[in-house]
């Protein structure tokens, strides 16, 4: 399960570009996981978009995760679903999805991470680490000490999220993050593939360069 560069795609931040084109550009840049994150689309629109994303991620060998909606994930043949603290409990989602689908859970501390693992989550998204405009009411920032504590407390991958970009991602990987989840740093970038490559370089310990290589 490669979660090093986990890109959440929402049409509102695509700068007027078709979301499908944005997804493909992130995959060309080396994104290892794509999450469909749309709050204002109908069920039919979500399934249509999810099916398009599923085709693209299969072509590039990346994971495809749907935010919140188990029904959409199943309809599109997604690899799994990501749940927030106010969504369907992971233990219930596991019963509905079976053992082969991935379940991610958003957490903010050690207790939530331990519960997510006990309930059957395959990975946790820990954050927010830095200020972000992508989601309102995200809660108090998480620090690197908490990241280290969560890594010690659970045996599943920990993906850092919240205001992350290439310039601040190295500290998160150094503290033990298995991956970073980003939205605007990639989706809203003028050069989407280049922004993704820069993150991938940091994830792989190659640092930053002008060309993201």
N, C-alpha and C. Protein backbone atom coordinates (compact mmCIF):
# COMPACT_ATOMS: atom_id res chain seq x y z
N UNK A 1 0.85 -1.19 0.00
CA UNK A 1 0.00 0.00 0.00
C UNK A 1 0.88 1.24 0.00
N UNK A 2 0.99 1.89 -1.13
CA UNK A 2 1.84 3.06 -1.29
C UNK A 2 1.01 4.33 -1.09
N UNK A 3 1.25 5.03 0.02
CA UNK A 3 0.50 6.25 0.33
C UNK A 3 1.42 7.47 0.42
N UNK A 4 2.60 7.37 -0.17
CA UNK A 4 3.58 8.44 -0.02
C UNK A 4 3.07 9.80 -0.48
N UNK A 5 2.48 9.84 -1.66
CA UNK A 5 1.93 11.10 -2.18
C UNK A 5 0.45 10.86 -2.47
N UNK A 6 -0.38 11.31 -1.54
CA UNK A 6 -1.81 11.04 -1.51
C UNK A 6 -2.51 12.35 -1.84
N UNK A 7 -3.13 12.42 -3.00
CA UNK A 7 -3.73 13.67 -3.47
C UNK A 7 -5.26 13.62 -3.38
N UNK A 8 -5.83 14.58 -2.68
CA UNK A 8 -7.27 14.72 -2.58
C UNK A 8 -7.72 15.71 -3.65
N UNK A 9 -8.63 15.28 -4.50
CA UNK A 9 -9.06 16.12 -5.62
C UNK A 9 -10.49 16.60 -5.39
N UNK A 10 -10.66 17.91 -5.38
CA UNK A 10 -11.97 18.53 -5.28
C UNK A 10 -12.08 19.58 -6.38
N UNK A 11 -13.19 19.55 -7.12
CA UNK A 11 -13.35 20.43 -8.27
C UNK A 11 -13.26 21.90 -7.93
N UNK A 12 -13.63 22.27 -6.71
CA UNK A 12 -13.62 23.68 -6.31
C UNK A 12 -12.22 24.29 -6.36
N UNK A 13 -11.19 23.46 -6.24
CA UNK A 13 -9.82 23.97 -6.20
C UNK A 13 -9.05 23.72 -7.50
N UNK A 14 -9.74 23.25 -8.53
CA UNK A 14 -9.05 22.89 -9.77
C UNK A 14 -8.81 24.06 -10.71
N UNK A 15 -9.09 25.27 -10.25
CA UNK A 15 -8.83 26.47 -11.05
C UNK A 15 -9.52 26.42 -12.41
N UNK A 16 -10.72 25.89 -12.44
CA UNK A 16 -11.49 25.84 -13.68
C UNK A 16 -11.09 24.72 -14.62
N UNK A 17 -10.08 23.93 -14.25
CA UNK A 17 -9.64 22.81 -15.09
C UNK A 17 -10.50 21.59 -14.82
N UNK A 18 -10.80 20.78 -15.84
CA UNK A 18 -11.59 19.57 -15.63
C UNK A 18 -10.92 18.67 -14.60
N UNK A 19 -11.65 18.20 -13.58
CA UNK A 19 -11.05 17.35 -12.54
C UNK A 19 -10.35 16.12 -13.10
N UNK A 20 -10.89 15.53 -14.16
CA UNK A 20 -10.24 14.36 -14.75
C UNK A 20 -8.84 14.68 -15.26
N UNK A 21 -8.68 15.86 -15.86
CA UNK A 21 -7.36 16.28 -16.35
C UNK A 21 -6.42 16.53 -15.17
N UNK A 22 -6.96 17.08 -14.09
CA UNK A 22 -6.15 17.32 -12.90
C UNK A 22 -5.66 16.00 -12.32
N UNK A 23 -6.56 15.03 -12.23
CA UNK A 23 -6.18 13.72 -11.70
C UNK A 23 -5.09 13.09 -12.55
N UNK A 24 -5.25 13.14 -13.86
CA UNK A 24 -4.24 12.52 -14.73
C UNK A 24 -2.89 13.22 -14.58
N UNK A 25 -2.90 14.54 -14.43
CA UNK A 25 -1.64 15.26 -14.25
C UNK A 25 -0.94 14.86 -12.95
N UNK A 26 -1.71 14.66 -11.89
CA UNK A 26 -1.09 14.22 -10.63
C UNK A 26 -0.49 12.83 -10.79
N UNK A 27 -1.18 11.98 -11.52
CA UNK A 27 -0.68 10.62 -11.74
C UNK A 27 0.58 10.63 -12.61
N UNK A 28 0.61 11.51 -13.58
CA UNK A 28 1.81 11.66 -14.41
C UNK A 28 2.99 12.13 -13.57
N UNK A 29 2.70 12.90 -12.52
CA UNK A 29 3.75 13.38 -11.63
C UNK A 29 4.18 12.38 -10.59
N UNK A 30 3.47 11.25 -10.49
CA UNK A 30 3.88 10.21 -9.56
C UNK A 30 3.03 10.04 -8.33
N UNK A 31 1.82 10.61 -8.31
CA UNK A 31 0.93 10.40 -7.16
C UNK A 31 0.66 8.92 -6.98
N UNK A 32 0.69 8.45 -5.74
CA UNK A 32 0.48 7.03 -5.47
C UNK A 32 -0.94 6.72 -5.05
N UNK A 33 -1.70 7.74 -4.64
CA UNK A 33 -3.10 7.53 -4.24
C UNK A 33 -3.90 8.78 -4.56
N UNK A 34 -5.11 8.58 -5.04
CA UNK A 34 -6.02 9.67 -5.35
C UNK A 34 -7.29 9.48 -4.54
N UNK A 35 -7.75 10.57 -3.92
CA UNK A 35 -9.03 10.52 -3.21
C UNK A 35 -10.02 11.45 -3.88
N UNK A 36 -11.20 10.93 -4.17
CA UNK A 36 -12.30 11.74 -4.67
C UNK A 36 -12.96 12.41 -3.47
N UNK A 37 -12.90 13.74 -3.45
CA UNK A 37 -13.44 14.50 -2.31
C UNK A 37 -14.35 15.59 -2.84
N UNK A 38 -15.61 15.26 -2.98
CA UNK A 38 -16.61 16.22 -3.48
C UNK A 38 -17.80 16.22 -2.53
N UNK A 39 -18.19 17.41 -2.09
CA UNK A 39 -19.27 17.53 -1.12
C UNK A 39 -20.59 17.98 -1.74
N UNK A 40 -20.56 18.50 -2.97
CA UNK A 40 -21.75 19.14 -3.51
C UNK A 40 -22.27 18.51 -4.80
N UNK A 41 -21.92 17.26 -5.06
CA UNK A 41 -22.39 16.58 -6.26
C UNK A 41 -23.47 15.56 -5.90
N UNK A 42 -24.33 15.29 -6.87
CA UNK A 42 -25.36 14.28 -6.66
C UNK A 42 -24.71 12.89 -6.67
N UNK A 43 -25.48 11.90 -6.23
CA UNK A 43 -24.96 10.53 -6.24
C UNK A 43 -24.58 10.08 -7.64
N UNK A 44 -25.39 10.40 -8.62
CA UNK A 44 -25.09 10.02 -10.01
C UNK A 44 -23.81 10.69 -10.49
N UNK A 45 -23.67 11.98 -10.18
CA UNK A 45 -22.47 12.70 -10.60
C UNK A 45 -21.22 12.13 -9.92
N UNK A 46 -21.35 11.77 -8.65
CA UNK A 46 -20.22 11.19 -7.93
C UNK A 46 -19.79 9.86 -8.53
N UNK A 47 -20.77 9.02 -8.86
CA UNK A 47 -20.44 7.71 -9.44
C UNK A 47 -19.77 7.89 -10.80
N UNK A 48 -20.30 8.79 -11.63
CA UNK A 48 -19.70 9.03 -12.95
C UNK A 48 -18.25 9.49 -12.81
N UNK A 49 -18.02 10.43 -11.89
CA UNK A 49 -16.67 10.94 -11.69
C UNK A 49 -15.77 9.87 -11.09
N UNK A 50 -16.29 9.10 -10.16
CA UNK A 50 -15.51 8.04 -9.54
C UNK A 50 -15.08 6.99 -10.55
N UNK A 51 -15.97 6.65 -11.47
CA UNK A 51 -15.62 5.67 -12.50
C UNK A 51 -14.50 6.18 -13.39
N UNK A 52 -14.54 7.47 -13.69
CA UNK A 52 -13.47 8.07 -14.49
C UNK A 52 -12.14 8.02 -13.74
N UNK A 53 -12.17 8.38 -12.46
CA UNK A 53 -10.96 8.35 -11.66
C UNK A 53 -10.42 6.92 -11.53
N UNK A 54 -11.33 5.96 -11.38
CA UNK A 54 -10.93 4.56 -11.25
C UNK A 54 -10.18 4.10 -12.49
N UNK A 55 -10.66 4.48 -13.67
CA UNK A 55 -9.97 4.10 -14.91
C UNK A 55 -8.58 4.70 -14.97
N UNK A 56 -8.46 5.98 -14.57
CA UNK A 56 -7.17 6.65 -14.63
C UNK A 56 -6.18 6.04 -13.62
N UNK A 57 -6.64 5.81 -12.41
CA UNK A 57 -5.72 5.26 -11.40
C UNK A 57 -5.28 3.85 -11.75
N UNK A 58 -6.16 3.08 -12.35
CA UNK A 58 -5.76 1.74 -12.80
C UNK A 58 -4.67 1.84 -13.86
N UNK A 59 -4.82 2.78 -14.77
CA UNK A 59 -3.85 2.93 -15.85
C UNK A 59 -2.45 3.24 -15.31
N UNK A 60 -2.41 4.01 -14.22
CA UNK A 60 -1.12 4.43 -13.66
C UNK A 60 -0.69 3.60 -12.46
N UNK A 61 -1.49 2.60 -12.09
CA UNK A 61 -1.11 1.75 -10.96
C UNK A 61 -1.19 2.42 -9.61
N UNK A 62 -2.12 3.37 -9.46
CA UNK A 62 -2.28 4.09 -8.20
C UNK A 62 -3.55 3.63 -7.49
N UNK A 63 -3.60 3.90 -6.19
CA UNK A 63 -4.80 3.59 -5.41
C UNK A 63 -5.87 4.64 -5.64
N UNK A 64 -7.13 4.22 -5.54
CA UNK A 64 -8.25 5.16 -5.66
C UNK A 64 -9.16 5.00 -4.44
N UNK A 65 -9.31 6.10 -3.72
CA UNK A 65 -10.10 6.13 -2.49
C UNK A 65 -11.24 7.15 -2.65
N UNK A 66 -12.41 6.81 -2.14
CA UNK A 66 -13.55 7.73 -2.15
C UNK A 66 -13.77 8.27 -0.75
N UNK A 67 -13.96 9.56 -0.64
CA UNK A 67 -14.22 10.18 0.66
C UNK A 67 -15.66 9.96 1.10
N UNK A 68 -15.84 9.43 2.28
CA UNK A 68 -17.15 9.29 2.94
C UNK A 68 -18.08 8.22 2.37
N UNK A 69 -18.24 8.16 1.06
CA UNK A 69 -19.35 7.44 0.45
C UNK A 69 -19.01 6.00 0.10
N UNK A 70 -19.46 5.06 0.93
CA UNK A 70 -19.24 3.64 0.67
C UNK A 70 -19.95 3.20 -0.60
N UNK A 71 -21.17 3.73 -0.82
CA UNK A 71 -21.93 3.31 -1.99
C UNK A 71 -21.24 3.69 -3.28
N UNK A 72 -20.65 4.88 -3.30
CA UNK A 72 -19.93 5.34 -4.49
C UNK A 72 -18.66 4.52 -4.69
N UNK A 73 -17.96 4.24 -3.60
CA UNK A 73 -16.74 3.43 -3.69
C UNK A 73 -17.04 2.06 -4.27
N UNK A 74 -18.10 1.44 -3.82
CA UNK A 74 -18.47 0.11 -4.31
C UNK A 74 -18.93 0.17 -5.76
N UNK A 75 -19.72 1.17 -6.10
CA UNK A 75 -20.24 1.29 -7.47
C UNK A 75 -19.13 1.48 -8.48
N UNK A 76 -18.06 2.19 -8.09
CA UNK A 76 -16.98 2.50 -9.01
C UNK A 76 -15.84 1.49 -8.95
N UNK A 77 -15.92 0.54 -8.03
CA UNK A 77 -14.82 -0.41 -7.89
C UNK A 77 -13.57 0.21 -7.30
N UNK A 78 -13.75 1.21 -6.42
CA UNK A 78 -12.62 1.88 -5.80
C UNK A 78 -11.86 0.93 -4.89
N UNK A 79 -10.62 1.31 -4.57
CA UNK A 79 -9.81 0.48 -3.66
C UNK A 79 -10.29 0.59 -2.23
N UNK A 80 -10.99 1.68 -1.91
CA UNK A 80 -11.45 1.83 -0.54
C UNK A 80 -12.14 3.15 -0.30
N UNK A 81 -12.32 3.46 0.98
CA UNK A 81 -13.06 4.65 1.40
C UNK A 81 -12.31 5.31 2.55
N UNK A 82 -12.46 6.63 2.66
CA UNK A 82 -11.86 7.36 3.77
C UNK A 82 -12.97 7.99 4.59
N UNK A 83 -12.90 7.83 5.91
CA UNK A 83 -13.96 8.26 6.80
C UNK A 83 -13.45 9.27 7.82
N UNK A 84 -14.31 10.25 8.13
CA UNK A 84 -14.00 11.21 9.18
C UNK A 84 -14.55 10.73 10.51
N UNK A 85 -14.27 11.48 11.56
CA UNK A 85 -14.73 11.09 12.89
C UNK A 85 -16.26 11.14 13.01
N UNK A 86 -16.91 11.92 12.17
CA UNK A 86 -18.37 12.03 12.23
C UNK A 86 -19.06 11.16 11.19
N UNK A 87 -18.30 10.39 10.44
CA UNK A 87 -18.88 9.52 9.42
C UNK A 87 -19.22 8.15 10.00
N UNK A 88 -19.62 7.25 9.12
CA UNK A 88 -19.90 5.88 9.51
C UNK A 88 -18.69 5.29 10.24
N UNK A 89 -18.89 4.63 11.38
CA UNK A 89 -17.76 4.03 12.10
C UNK A 89 -17.01 3.02 11.23
N UNK A 90 -15.70 2.95 11.41
CA UNK A 90 -14.89 2.05 10.59
C UNK A 90 -15.31 0.60 10.77
N UNK A 91 -15.72 0.22 11.97
CA UNK A 91 -16.11 -1.18 12.19
C UNK A 91 -17.35 -1.55 11.37
N UNK A 92 -18.27 -0.58 11.20
CA UNK A 92 -19.46 -0.81 10.39
C UNK A 92 -19.08 -0.84 8.91
N UNK A 93 -18.23 0.09 8.52
CA UNK A 93 -17.77 0.12 7.13
C UNK A 93 -17.08 -1.18 6.76
N UNK A 94 -16.32 -1.73 7.69
CA UNK A 94 -15.61 -2.99 7.41
C UNK A 94 -16.60 -4.12 7.16
N UNK A 95 -17.67 -4.18 7.93
CA UNK A 95 -18.68 -5.21 7.71
C UNK A 95 -19.32 -5.08 6.32
N UNK A 96 -19.53 -3.84 5.90
CA UNK A 96 -20.19 -3.60 4.62
C UNK A 96 -19.25 -3.80 3.44
N UNK A 97 -17.99 -3.44 3.61
CA UNK A 97 -17.03 -3.49 2.51
C UNK A 97 -16.33 -4.83 2.38
N UNK A 98 -16.26 -5.59 3.47
CA UNK A 98 -15.51 -6.84 3.45
C UNK A 98 -14.04 -6.60 3.74
N UNK A 99 -13.26 -7.63 3.61
CA UNK A 99 -11.86 -7.58 4.04
C UNK A 99 -10.90 -7.05 2.97
N UNK A 100 -11.34 -6.98 1.72
CA UNK A 100 -10.41 -6.64 0.64
C UNK A 100 -10.30 -5.15 0.35
N UNK A 101 -11.27 -4.37 0.80
CA UNK A 101 -11.25 -2.93 0.54
C UNK A 101 -10.48 -2.21 1.64
N UNK A 102 -9.86 -1.09 1.29
CA UNK A 102 -9.12 -0.28 2.25
C UNK A 102 -10.04 0.69 2.97
N UNK A 103 -9.76 0.92 4.24
CA UNK A 103 -10.49 1.92 5.01
C UNK A 103 -9.48 2.84 5.68
N UNK A 104 -9.61 4.13 5.42
CA UNK A 104 -8.80 5.13 6.08
C UNK A 104 -9.67 5.94 7.02
N UNK A 105 -9.11 6.42 8.10
CA UNK A 105 -9.87 7.21 9.08
C UNK A 105 -9.07 8.45 9.46
N UNK A 106 -9.75 9.60 9.46
CA UNK A 106 -9.12 10.84 9.90
C UNK A 106 -9.03 10.86 11.42
N UNK A 107 -7.85 11.16 11.95
CA UNK A 107 -7.65 11.21 13.40
C UNK A 107 -6.84 12.44 13.77
N UNK A 108 -6.92 12.79 15.07
CA UNK A 108 -6.18 13.95 15.53
C UNK A 108 -5.28 13.68 16.72
N UNK A 109 -5.33 12.44 17.24
CA UNK A 109 -4.50 12.13 18.39
C UNK A 109 -4.31 10.61 18.50
N UNK A 110 -3.57 10.22 19.52
CA UNK A 110 -3.24 8.80 19.71
C UNK A 110 -4.48 7.97 19.98
N UNK A 111 -5.39 8.46 20.82
CA UNK A 111 -6.58 7.69 21.17
C UNK A 111 -7.43 7.39 19.94
N UNK A 112 -7.62 8.39 19.09
CA UNK A 112 -8.42 8.18 17.88
C UNK A 112 -7.72 7.23 16.93
N UNK A 113 -6.41 7.31 16.86
CA UNK A 113 -5.66 6.41 15.98
C UNK A 113 -5.76 4.97 16.46
N UNK A 114 -5.63 4.75 17.76
CA UNK A 114 -5.75 3.40 18.31
C UNK A 114 -7.15 2.83 18.06
N UNK A 115 -8.16 3.66 18.24
CA UNK A 115 -9.54 3.20 18.02
C UNK A 115 -9.75 2.86 16.55
N UNK A 116 -9.23 3.70 15.65
CA UNK A 116 -9.38 3.43 14.22
C UNK A 116 -8.77 2.09 13.86
N UNK A 117 -7.58 1.81 14.38
CA UNK A 117 -6.94 0.53 14.10
C UNK A 117 -7.75 -0.62 14.67
N UNK A 118 -8.23 -0.48 15.90
CA UNK A 118 -9.03 -1.53 16.53
C UNK A 118 -10.32 -1.80 15.78
N UNK A 119 -10.86 -0.75 15.14
CA UNK A 119 -12.11 -0.89 14.41
C UNK A 119 -11.93 -1.40 12.98
N UNK A 120 -10.67 -1.62 12.58
CA UNK A 120 -10.44 -2.22 11.28
C UNK A 120 -9.87 -1.32 10.21
N UNK A 121 -9.44 -0.11 10.58
CA UNK A 121 -8.85 0.80 9.59
C UNK A 121 -7.52 0.24 9.07
N UNK A 122 -7.24 0.52 7.81
CA UNK A 122 -5.98 0.10 7.18
C UNK A 122 -4.91 1.19 7.26
N UNK A 123 -5.34 2.44 7.44
CA UNK A 123 -4.41 3.55 7.60
C UNK A 123 -5.17 4.69 8.28
N UNK A 124 -4.43 5.64 8.83
CA UNK A 124 -5.06 6.83 9.41
C UNK A 124 -4.48 8.07 8.75
N UNK A 125 -5.32 9.09 8.64
CA UNK A 125 -4.89 10.40 8.18
C UNK A 125 -4.81 11.31 9.39
N UNK A 126 -3.61 11.70 9.78
CA UNK A 126 -3.39 12.48 11.00
C UNK A 126 -3.17 13.95 10.66
N UNK A 127 -3.88 14.83 11.36
CA UNK A 127 -3.69 16.25 11.13
C UNK A 127 -4.77 17.07 11.82
N UNK A 128 -4.79 18.39 11.54
CA UNK A 128 -3.97 19.11 10.57
C UNK A 128 -2.63 19.55 11.16
N UNK A 129 -1.61 19.58 10.32
CA UNK A 129 -0.29 20.00 10.78
C UNK A 129 -0.04 21.48 10.56
N UNK A 130 -0.58 22.04 9.50
CA UNK A 130 -0.36 23.44 9.16
C UNK A 130 -1.71 24.07 8.79
N UNK A 131 -1.81 25.40 8.83
CA UNK A 131 -3.06 26.05 8.46
C UNK A 131 -3.50 25.67 7.05
N UNK A 132 -4.80 25.48 6.87
CA UNK A 132 -5.32 25.10 5.57
C UNK A 132 -6.68 25.75 5.34
N UNK A 133 -6.95 26.12 4.09
CA UNK A 133 -8.24 26.68 3.72
C UNK A 133 -9.14 25.63 3.07
N UNK A 134 -8.65 24.41 2.98
CA UNK A 134 -9.38 23.36 2.25
C UNK A 134 -10.55 22.79 3.04
N UNK A 135 -10.55 23.00 4.37
CA UNK A 135 -11.61 22.43 5.19
C UNK A 135 -11.81 23.32 6.40
N UNK A 136 -13.07 23.67 6.66
CA UNK A 136 -13.38 24.51 7.81
C UNK A 136 -13.40 23.66 9.09
N UNK A 137 -13.14 24.32 10.22
CA UNK A 137 -13.23 23.66 11.53
C UNK A 137 -12.40 22.38 11.60
N UNK A 138 -11.13 22.48 11.23
CA UNK A 138 -10.28 21.29 11.21
C UNK A 138 -9.71 20.95 12.59
N UNK A 139 -9.90 21.84 13.55
CA UNK A 139 -9.40 21.56 14.89
C UNK A 139 -8.01 22.12 15.14
N UNK A 140 -7.50 21.83 16.33
CA UNK A 140 -6.20 22.34 16.72
C UNK A 140 -5.09 21.65 15.93
N UNK A 141 -4.02 22.38 15.61
CA UNK A 141 -2.92 21.78 14.86
C UNK A 141 -2.27 20.63 15.62
N UNK A 142 -1.79 19.66 14.87
CA UNK A 142 -1.06 18.53 15.41
C UNK A 142 0.44 18.82 15.27
N UNK A 143 1.24 18.43 16.26
CA UNK A 143 2.67 18.69 16.17
C UNK A 143 3.44 17.41 15.86
N UNK A 144 4.72 17.56 15.62
CA UNK A 144 5.55 16.42 15.25
C UNK A 144 5.66 15.40 16.38
N UNK A 145 5.59 15.87 17.63
CA UNK A 145 5.65 14.94 18.76
C UNK A 145 4.44 14.00 18.73
N UNK A 146 3.28 14.54 18.38
CA UNK A 146 2.09 13.70 18.28
C UNK A 146 2.21 12.70 17.14
N UNK A 147 2.80 13.13 16.04
CA UNK A 147 3.04 12.22 14.92
C UNK A 147 3.91 11.05 15.37
N UNK A 148 4.96 11.34 16.09
CA UNK A 148 5.84 10.26 16.57
C UNK A 148 5.09 9.34 17.53
N UNK A 149 4.26 9.91 18.39
CA UNK A 149 3.50 9.10 19.35
C UNK A 149 2.49 8.20 18.64
N UNK A 150 1.83 8.73 17.62
CA UNK A 150 0.87 7.92 16.87
C UNK A 150 1.58 6.80 16.14
N UNK A 151 2.73 7.09 15.56
CA UNK A 151 3.50 6.06 14.86
C UNK A 151 3.87 4.92 15.81
N UNK A 152 4.21 5.24 17.04
CA UNK A 152 4.56 4.22 18.01
C UNK A 152 3.34 3.45 18.50
N UNK A 153 2.17 4.09 18.46
CA UNK A 153 0.98 3.50 19.05
C UNK A 153 0.23 2.55 18.12
N UNK A 154 0.41 2.70 16.81
CA UNK A 154 -0.34 1.86 15.87
C UNK A 154 0.60 1.15 14.91
N UNK A 155 0.09 0.10 14.30
CA UNK A 155 0.88 -0.70 13.37
C UNK A 155 0.47 -0.47 11.92
N UNK A 156 -0.44 0.48 11.68
CA UNK A 156 -0.90 0.76 10.33
C UNK A 156 -0.27 2.07 9.85
N UNK A 157 -0.22 2.30 8.54
CA UNK A 157 0.40 3.52 8.02
C UNK A 157 -0.27 4.79 8.53
N UNK A 158 0.55 5.82 8.71
CA UNK A 158 0.07 7.13 9.16
C UNK A 158 0.38 8.15 8.07
N UNK A 159 -0.68 8.77 7.56
CA UNK A 159 -0.54 9.78 6.51
C UNK A 159 -0.81 11.15 7.12
N UNK A 160 0.14 12.06 6.97
CA UNK A 160 -0.01 13.41 7.50
C UNK A 160 -0.84 14.27 6.54
N UNK A 161 -1.68 15.14 7.10
CA UNK A 161 -2.53 15.99 6.27
C UNK A 161 -2.71 17.35 6.93
N UNK A 162 -2.97 18.35 6.09
CA UNK A 162 -3.28 19.68 6.60
C UNK A 162 -2.23 20.71 6.25
N UNK A 163 -2.46 21.46 5.17
CA UNK A 163 -1.55 22.54 4.79
C UNK A 163 -0.18 22.09 4.34
N UNK A 164 -0.07 20.87 3.85
CA UNK A 164 1.24 20.31 3.49
C UNK A 164 1.61 20.67 2.06
N UNK A 165 2.88 21.00 1.88
CA UNK A 165 3.44 21.27 0.56
C UNK A 165 4.87 20.76 0.55
N UNK A 166 5.49 20.81 -0.60
CA UNK A 166 6.84 20.24 -0.72
C UNK A 166 7.82 20.87 0.27
N UNK A 167 7.65 22.15 0.53
CA UNK A 167 8.60 22.86 1.37
C UNK A 167 8.52 22.47 2.85
N UNK A 168 7.40 21.91 3.30
CA UNK A 168 7.32 21.54 4.72
C UNK A 168 7.12 20.04 4.95
N UNK A 169 7.12 19.26 3.87
CA UNK A 169 6.84 17.83 4.00
C UNK A 169 8.01 17.04 4.57
N UNK A 170 9.24 17.50 4.36
CA UNK A 170 10.41 16.72 4.79
C UNK A 170 10.39 16.44 6.29
N UNK A 171 9.99 17.42 7.09
CA UNK A 171 9.96 17.24 8.54
C UNK A 171 8.97 16.16 8.95
N UNK A 172 7.88 16.04 8.20
CA UNK A 172 6.87 15.04 8.50
C UNK A 172 7.39 13.63 8.20
N UNK A 173 8.06 13.49 7.08
CA UNK A 173 8.66 12.18 6.76
C UNK A 173 9.75 11.83 7.76
N UNK A 174 10.53 12.83 8.17
CA UNK A 174 11.60 12.58 9.13
C UNK A 174 11.03 12.13 10.48
N UNK A 175 9.81 12.60 10.80
CA UNK A 175 9.19 12.23 12.07
C UNK A 175 8.45 10.90 11.98
N UNK A 176 8.42 10.30 10.79
CA UNK A 176 7.85 8.96 10.67
C UNK A 176 6.63 8.81 9.80
N UNK A 177 6.14 9.89 9.22
CA UNK A 177 4.96 9.78 8.36
C UNK A 177 5.22 8.81 7.21
N UNK A 178 4.23 7.99 6.93
CA UNK A 178 4.33 7.05 5.80
C UNK A 178 3.93 7.71 4.48
N UNK A 179 3.27 8.85 4.59
CA UNK A 179 2.85 9.57 3.40
C UNK A 179 2.32 10.93 3.79
N UNK A 180 2.10 11.77 2.78
CA UNK A 180 1.49 13.08 3.01
C UNK A 180 0.29 13.21 2.08
N UNK A 181 -0.80 13.74 2.62
CA UNK A 181 -2.01 13.98 1.84
C UNK A 181 -2.10 15.47 1.56
N UNK A 182 -2.30 15.82 0.31
CA UNK A 182 -2.30 17.23 -0.09
C UNK A 182 -3.52 17.52 -0.96
N UNK A 183 -3.91 18.78 -0.94
CA UNK A 183 -5.00 19.21 -1.83
C UNK A 183 -4.49 20.38 -2.66
N UNK A 184 -4.58 21.59 -2.12
CA UNK A 184 -4.29 22.78 -2.91
C UNK A 184 -2.86 22.85 -3.40
N UNK A 185 -1.90 22.29 -2.64
CA UNK A 185 -0.49 22.35 -3.05
C UNK A 185 -0.27 21.70 -4.40
N UNK A 186 -1.13 20.77 -4.77
CA UNK A 186 -1.03 20.10 -6.07
C UNK A 186 -2.19 20.49 -6.98
N UNK A 187 -3.42 20.35 -6.49
CA UNK A 187 -4.60 20.55 -7.33
C UNK A 187 -4.71 21.98 -7.85
N UNK A 188 -4.29 22.96 -7.04
CA UNK A 188 -4.38 24.35 -7.45
C UNK A 188 -3.08 24.88 -8.06
N UNK A 189 -2.07 24.04 -8.19
CA UNK A 189 -0.77 24.48 -8.72
C UNK A 189 -0.85 24.75 -10.22
N UNK A 190 -0.11 25.74 -10.71
CA UNK A 190 -0.09 25.98 -12.15
C UNK A 190 0.44 24.78 -12.92
N UNK A 191 1.46 24.12 -12.38
CA UNK A 191 2.04 22.92 -12.98
C UNK A 191 1.76 21.75 -12.03
N UNK A 192 0.66 21.05 -12.28
CA UNK A 192 0.21 20.00 -11.36
C UNK A 192 1.21 18.84 -11.32
N UNK A 193 1.63 18.37 -12.47
CA UNK A 193 2.57 17.25 -12.51
C UNK A 193 3.89 17.63 -11.84
N UNK A 194 4.35 18.86 -12.08
CA UNK A 194 5.60 19.31 -11.47
C UNK A 194 5.49 19.41 -9.96
N UNK A 195 4.36 19.92 -9.46
CA UNK A 195 4.16 20.01 -8.01
C UNK A 195 4.13 18.62 -7.38
N UNK A 196 3.53 17.67 -8.09
CA UNK A 196 3.49 16.30 -7.58
C UNK A 196 4.89 15.69 -7.56
N UNK A 197 5.67 15.95 -8.59
CA UNK A 197 7.04 15.42 -8.63
C UNK A 197 7.88 15.98 -7.50
N UNK A 198 7.67 17.23 -7.15
CA UNK A 198 8.42 17.84 -6.07
C UNK A 198 8.10 17.15 -4.73
N UNK A 199 6.83 16.85 -4.52
CA UNK A 199 6.45 16.14 -3.31
C UNK A 199 7.04 14.73 -3.29
N UNK A 200 6.99 14.08 -4.43
CA UNK A 200 7.53 12.72 -4.52
C UNK A 200 9.03 12.72 -4.23
N UNK A 201 9.72 13.74 -4.71
CA UNK A 201 11.16 13.83 -4.44
C UNK A 201 11.43 13.92 -2.94
N UNK A 202 10.62 14.70 -2.25
CA UNK A 202 10.78 14.82 -0.80
C UNK A 202 10.45 13.48 -0.13
N UNK A 203 9.38 12.84 -0.58
CA UNK A 203 8.97 11.56 0.00
C UNK A 203 10.05 10.50 -0.16
N UNK A 204 10.77 10.57 -1.25
CA UNK A 204 11.82 9.58 -1.53
C UNK A 204 13.18 10.04 -1.03
N UNK A 205 13.21 11.15 -0.29
CA UNK A 205 14.45 11.60 0.29
C UNK A 205 15.41 12.26 -0.69
N UNK A 206 14.88 12.71 -1.82
CA UNK A 206 15.75 13.34 -2.83
C UNK A 206 15.75 14.86 -2.72
N UNK A 207 14.98 15.39 -1.78
CA UNK A 207 14.95 16.84 -1.59
C UNK A 207 14.24 17.56 -2.70
N UNK A 208 14.43 18.89 -2.74
CA UNK A 208 13.77 19.73 -3.73
C UNK A 208 14.77 20.22 -4.77
N UNK A 209 14.25 20.43 -5.96
CA UNK A 209 15.05 21.08 -7.01
C UNK A 209 14.12 21.94 -7.82
N UNK A 210 14.66 22.77 -8.65
CA UNK A 210 13.84 23.68 -9.44
C UNK A 210 12.88 22.92 -10.35
N UNK A 211 13.27 21.74 -10.80
CA UNK A 211 12.44 20.97 -11.70
C UNK A 211 11.67 19.87 -10.99
N UNK A 212 11.81 19.78 -9.68
CA UNK A 212 11.10 18.77 -8.93
C UNK A 212 11.63 17.37 -9.19
N UNK A 213 12.89 17.27 -9.52
CA UNK A 213 13.48 15.96 -9.82
C UNK A 213 14.66 15.70 -8.89
